Amino acid sequence: MPTERLTFPGHSGHDLAARLDMPDGPHLATALFAHCFTCSKDIPAARRIARRLAN
């Protein structure tokens, strides 16, 4: 599963980071997973959910 790391400016001008997990096969649908404010994109639960959605 290919993963692309992205950064973009947030509302206050600070850089925000994201990860785009793409399926190995054809792209059938899109889902956006947003973690809580006290977590990061790298918590194990968020990574497992994103990976399973992409699969």
Protein backbone atom coordinates (compact mmCIF):
# COMPACT_ATOMS: atom_id res chain seq x y z
CA MET A 1 0.00 0.00 0.00
CA PRO A 2 1.69 3.25 -1.08
CA THR A 3 1.73 6.07 1.46
CA GLU A 4 2.36 9.72 0.62
CA ARG A 5 3.31 12.24 3.33
CA LEU A 6 1.89 15.74 2.86
CA THR A 7 2.31 19.11 4.58
CA PHE A 8 0.14 22.16 4.12
CA PRO A 9 -0.38 25.50 5.93
CA GLY A 10 -3.04 25.53 8.63
CA HIS A 11 -5.38 28.37 9.57
CA SER A 12 -2.81 30.01 11.87
CA GLY A 13 0.04 29.59 9.38
CA HIS A 14 1.67 26.58 11.07
CA ASP A 15 2.45 23.61 8.85
CA LEU A 16 0.11 20.64 9.29
CA ALA A 17 1.11 17.10 8.39
CA ALA A 18 -0.98 14.38 6.80
CA ARG A 19 -0.54 10.92 5.38
CA LEU A 20 -2.38 9.64 2.30
CA ASP A 21 -2.74 5.84 2.20
CA MET A 22 -3.71 4.55 -1.23
CA PRO A 23 -4.89 1.04 -2.14
CA ASP A 24 -2.71 -1.27 -4.21
CA GLY A 25 -5.50 -1.82 -6.73
CA PRO A 26 -8.09 0.45 -8.29
CA HIS A 27 -9.43 3.42 -6.34
CA LEU A 28 -13.07 2.63 -5.54
CA ALA A 29 -13.98 5.17 -2.84
CA THR A 30 -12.53 7.87 -0.59
CA ALA A 31 -12.57 8.10 3.21
CA LEU A 32 -11.16 10.80 5.44
CA PHE A 33 -10.02 9.77 8.92
CA ALA A 34 -9.46 12.66 11.34
CA HIS A 35 -7.84 11.90 14.68
CA CYS A 36 -8.69 13.68 17.93
CA PHE A 37 -7.02 16.97 18.91
CA THR A 38 -4.83 15.37 21.60
CA CYS A 39 -3.52 12.65 19.26
CA SER A 40 -1.33 12.64 16.18
CA LYS A 41 -1.60 10.98 12.79
CA ASP A 42 0.94 8.39 13.97
CA ILE A 43 -1.05 6.73 16.77
CA PRO A 44 -1.40 2.97 16.19
CA ALA A 45 -5.22 3.02 16.08
CA ALA A 46 -5.31 5.70 13.36
CA ARG A 47 -2.71 3.86 11.30
CA ARG A 48 -4.59 0.54 11.57
CA ILE A 49 -7.92 2.13 10.63
CA ALA A 50 -6.42 3.97 7.64
CA ARG A 51 -4.63 0.84 6.45
CA ARG A 52 -7.78 -1.29 6.67
CA LEU A 53 -9.86 1.34 4.88
CA ALA A 54 -7.30 1.48 2.08
CA ASN A 55 -7.27 -2.32 1.81
